[in-house]
Structures are given as structure tokens and as C-alpha cells.
């Protein structure tokens, strides 16, 4: 039996490879999920003429009670409910996470070369 200690260079290389695979998986799943969220959205009824003025009273009451800041926060919350916005947030988060994985893998390779 040979009880060899693991080579630190191979450990760095394995971790870098695992980080790259994780980055690719996160990127593919994130972009795929964003596509699914975007393409399976319900039909847009905001242009329906029968709904003109429907939201006006509620918006005015919100402005009276909470001011302009309350209306701004409500508009932001409503925008976050839109599938297009959700898809952009999912895609951005997956790109950032995958970039972090690739960056850490590159740093492990650089650290491996300097040792």
C-alpha cells in the first residue's frame, strides 16, 4: 500500500475544474430559467380599453396616504411582478454567479502557477 499525500497542485486543479463546471451549470440553468419565465408569461391586458381608469382611484389614495415615495415603491413592486423584469433579474444573477465561479477558478490557476 502506498500512502501518498495528495498533491496540492492537483487539488488546486480539481477545485478550479469544479468551479468552472459549476459556473457553466449556473449559467445554463439561469439563462434557461429566465427564458422559461419570459416565454411563459400571461398575455398583456394593460392595453385593454375596458380597464382605462380602473387603477386611478387606488393610485390617488396611495399617493394621499403615503406620498410620492409610497407611489414610487408601489410602482417598483408592480414592475418586479412583470415576467420581463423577473427574467432580466434571473439572467443577471446567473451571469454574476457564473462570473464569480470563473474568476475564482482563474485565481486558483494563478495560485497554482505561483506555487
C-alpha atoms as a PDB file:
ATOM      1  CA  UNK A   1       0.000   0.000   0.000  1.00  0.00           C
ATOM      2  CA  UNK A   2       1.196   3.447  -0.780  1.00  0.00           C
ATOM      3  CA  UNK A   3       0.051   6.210   1.496  1.00  0.00           C
ATOM      4  CA  UNK A   4       0.859   9.202  -0.626  1.00  0.00           C
ATOM      5  CA  UNK A   5      -0.195  12.660   0.427  1.00  0.00           C
ATOM      6  CA  UNK A   6      -2.387  14.359  -2.153  1.00  0.00           C
ATOM      7  CA  UNK A   7      -0.521  16.632  -4.472  1.00  0.00           C
ATOM      8  CA  UNK A   8      -1.549  20.249  -3.718  1.00  0.00           C
ATOM      9  CA  UNK A   9      -1.333  21.152  -7.398  1.00  0.00           C
ATOM     10  CA  UNK A  10      -3.844  18.504  -8.342  1.00  0.00           C
ATOM     11  CA  UNK A  11      -6.132  19.763  -5.538  1.00  0.00           C
ATOM     12  CA  UNK A  12      -5.992  23.288  -6.967  1.00  0.00           C
ATOM     13  CA  UNK A  13      -6.651  21.954 -10.447  1.00  0.00           C
ATOM     14  CA  UNK A  14      -9.595  19.834  -9.267  1.00  0.00           C
ATOM     15  CA  UNK A  15     -11.138  22.754  -7.413  1.00  0.00           C
ATOM     16  CA  UNK A  16     -10.660  25.056 -10.412  1.00  0.00           C
ATOM     17  CA  UNK A  17     -12.268  22.476 -12.703  1.00  0.00           C
ATOM     18  CA  UNK A  18     -15.183  22.018 -10.297  1.00  0.00           C
ATOM     19  CA  UNK A  19     -15.676  25.791 -10.137  1.00  0.00           C
ATOM     20  CA  UNK A  20     -15.711  26.024 -13.930  1.00  0.00           C
ATOM     21  CA  UNK A  21     -18.271  23.228 -14.206  1.00  0.00           C
ATOM     22  CA  UNK A  22     -20.375  24.902 -11.507  1.00  0.00           C
ATOM     23  CA  UNK A  23     -20.154  28.207 -13.378  1.00  0.00           C
ATOM     24  CA  UNK A  24     -21.294  26.607 -16.627  1.00  0.00           C
ATOM     25  CA  UNK A  25     -24.197  24.823 -14.906  1.00  0.00           C
ATOM     26  CA  UNK A  26     -25.304  28.002 -13.092  1.00  0.00           C
ATOM     27  CA  UNK A  27     -25.110  29.998 -16.305  1.00  0.00           C
ATOM     28  CA  UNK A  28     -27.077  27.470 -18.367  1.00  0.00           C
ATOM     29  CA  UNK A  29     -29.747  26.926 -15.704  1.00  0.00           C
ATOM     30  CA  UNK A  30     -30.085  30.651 -15.050  1.00  0.00           C
ATOM     31  CA  UNK A  31     -30.427  31.610 -18.695  1.00  0.00           C
ATOM     32  CA  UNK A  32     -32.776  28.698 -19.321  1.00  0.00           C
ATOM     33  CA  UNK A  33     -34.884  29.643 -16.309  1.00  0.00           C
ATOM     34  CA  UNK A  34     -35.005  33.271 -17.434  1.00  0.00           C
ATOM     35  CA  UNK A  35     -36.157  32.137 -20.866  1.00  0.00           C
ATOM     36  CA  UNK A  36     -38.878  29.948 -19.373  1.00  0.00           C
ATOM     37  CA  UNK A  37     -40.112  32.784 -17.148  1.00  0.00           C
ATOM     38  CA  UNK A  38     -40.137  35.212 -20.063  1.00  0.00           C
ATOM     39  CA  UNK A  39     -41.727  32.998 -22.712  1.00  0.00           C
ATOM     40  CA  UNK A  40     -44.442  31.506 -20.472  1.00  0.00           C
ATOM     41  CA  UNK A  41     -45.795  34.883 -19.352  1.00  0.00           C
ATOM     42  CA  UNK A  42     -49.546  35.508 -19.466  1.00  0.00           C
ATOM     43  CA  UNK A  43     -50.997  37.757 -22.161  1.00  0.00           C
ATOM     44  CA  UNK A  44     -50.697  41.505 -21.601  1.00  0.00           C
ATOM     45  CA  UNK A  45     -54.052  43.102 -20.807  1.00  0.00           C
ATOM     46  CA  UNK A  46     -52.724  46.569 -19.941  1.00  0.00           C
ATOM     47  CA  UNK A  47     -53.810  47.874 -23.354  1.00  0.00           C
ATOM     48  CA  UNK A  48     -57.425  46.763 -22.848  1.00  0.00           C
ATOM     49  CA  UNK A  49     -59.690  49.804 -23.282  1.00  0.00           C
ATOM     50  CA  UNK A  50     -62.232  48.486 -20.784  1.00  0.00           C
ATOM     51  CA  UNK A  51     -59.642  48.888 -17.982  1.00  0.00           C
ATOM     52  CA  UNK A  52     -58.935  52.589 -18.626  1.00  0.00           C
ATOM     53  CA  UNK A  53     -59.132  54.477 -15.323  1.00  0.00           C
ATOM     54  CA  UNK A  54     -59.561  51.296 -13.279  1.00  0.00           C
ATOM     55  CA  UNK A  55     -56.459  51.922 -11.222  1.00  0.00           C
ATOM     56  CA  UNK A  56     -56.757  55.704 -10.962  1.00  0.00           C
ATOM     57  CA  UNK A  57     -58.666  55.873  -7.640  1.00  0.00           C
ATOM     58  CA  UNK A  58     -56.396  53.366  -5.924  1.00  0.00           C
ATOM     59  CA  UNK A  59     -53.295  55.185  -7.143  1.00  0.00           C
ATOM     60  CA  UNK A  60     -54.636  58.531  -5.918  1.00  0.00           C
ATOM     61  CA  UNK A  61     -55.480  57.077  -2.495  1.00  0.00           C
ATOM     62  CA  UNK A  62     -51.976  55.595  -2.241  1.00  0.00           C
ATOM     63  CA  UNK A  63     -50.481  58.998  -3.047  1.00  0.00           C
ATOM     64  CA  UNK A  64     -52.614  60.725  -0.404  1.00  0.00           C
ATOM     65  CA  UNK A  65     -51.771  58.197   2.312  1.00  0.00           C
ATOM     66  CA  UNK A  66     -48.078  57.571   1.615  1.00  0.00           C
ATOM     67  CA  UNK A  67     -46.970  60.430  -0.600  1.00  0.00           C
ATOM     68  CA  UNK A  68     -44.857  60.235  -3.712  1.00  0.00           C
ATOM     69  CA  UNK A  69     -42.448  57.747  -2.091  1.00  0.00           C
ATOM     70  CA  UNK A  70     -45.275  55.280  -1.470  1.00  0.00           C
ATOM     71  CA  UNK A  71     -46.367  55.511  -5.071  1.00  0.00           C
ATOM     72  CA  UNK A  72     -42.783  55.029  -6.234  1.00  0.00           C
ATOM     73  CA  UNK A  73     -42.380  51.928  -4.065  1.00  0.00           C
ATOM     74  CA  UNK A  74     -45.707  50.541  -5.271  1.00  0.00           C
ATOM     75  CA  UNK A  75     -44.692  51.108  -8.890  1.00  0.00           C
ATOM     76  CA  UNK A  76     -41.387  49.352  -8.234  1.00  0.00           C
ATOM     77  CA  UNK A  77     -43.169  46.405  -6.600  1.00  0.00           C
ATOM     78  CA  UNK A  78     -45.546  46.173  -9.563  1.00  0.00           C
ATOM     79  CA  UNK A  79     -42.638  46.272 -12.002  1.00  0.00           C
ATOM     80  CA  UNK A  80     -40.945  43.421 -10.127  1.00  0.00           C
ATOM     81  CA  UNK A  81     -44.049  41.297 -10.731  1.00  0.00           C
ATOM     82  CA  UNK A  82     -43.606  41.588 -14.506  1.00  0.00           C
ATOM     83  CA  UNK A  83     -42.164  38.457 -16.193  1.00  0.00           C
ATOM     84  CA  UNK A  84     -39.758  40.505 -18.312  1.00  0.00           C
ATOM     85  CA  UNK A  85     -38.236  42.133 -15.236  1.00  0.00           C
ATOM     86  CA  UNK A  86     -38.047  38.800 -13.439  1.00  0.00           C
ATOM     87  CA  UNK A  87     -36.303  37.220 -16.424  1.00  0.00           C
ATOM     88  CA  UNK A  88     -33.739  40.029 -16.530  1.00  0.00           C
ATOM     89  CA  UNK A  89     -33.066  39.660 -12.788  1.00  0.00           C
ATOM     90  CA  UNK A  90     -32.656  35.876 -13.085  1.00  0.00           C
ATOM     91  CA  UNK A  91     -30.318  36.196 -16.073  1.00  0.00           C
ATOM     92  CA  UNK A  92     -28.256  38.921 -14.367  1.00  0.00           C
ATOM     93  CA  UNK A  93     -27.925  36.911 -11.158  1.00  0.00           C
ATOM     94  CA  UNK A  94     -26.845  33.786 -13.041  1.00  0.00           C
ATOM     95  CA  UNK A  95     -24.271  35.720 -15.073  1.00  0.00           C
ATOM     96  CA  UNK A  96     -22.857  37.290 -11.894  1.00  0.00           C
ATOM     97  CA  UNK A  97     -22.676  33.949 -10.061  1.00  0.00           C
ATOM     98  CA  UNK A  98     -21.093  32.209 -13.045  1.00  0.00           C
ATOM     99  CA  UNK A  99     -18.597  35.066 -13.428  1.00  0.00           C
ATOM    100  CA  UNK A 100     -17.672  34.671  -9.770  1.00  0.00           C
ATOM    101  CA  UNK A 101     -17.082  30.947 -10.277  1.00  0.00           C
ATOM    102  CA  UNK A 102     -14.918  31.552 -13.344  1.00  0.00           C
ATOM    103  CA  UNK A 103     -12.965  34.280 -11.537  1.00  0.00           C
ATOM    104  CA  UNK A 104     -12.270  32.031  -8.544  1.00  0.00           C
ATOM    105  CA  UNK A 105     -11.204  29.215 -10.871  1.00  0.00           C
ATOM    106  CA  UNK A 106      -8.793  31.576 -12.608  1.00  0.00           C
ATOM    107  CA  UNK A 107      -7.405  32.701  -9.244  1.00  0.00           C
ATOM    108  CA  UNK A 108      -6.834  29.065  -8.267  1.00  0.00           C
ATOM    109  CA  UNK A 109      -4.943  28.525 -11.529  1.00  0.00           C
ATOM    110  CA  UNK A 110      -2.810  31.621 -10.909  1.00  0.00           C
ATOM    111  CA  UNK A 111      -2.162  30.499  -7.325  1.00  0.00           C
ATOM    112  CA  UNK A 112      -1.249  27.047  -8.635  1.00  0.00           C
ATOM    113  CA  UNK A 113       1.271  28.525 -11.086  1.00  0.00           C
ATOM    114  CA  UNK A 114       2.942  30.698  -8.434  1.00  0.00           C
ATOM    115  CA  UNK A 115       3.468  27.772  -6.013  1.00  0.00           C
END
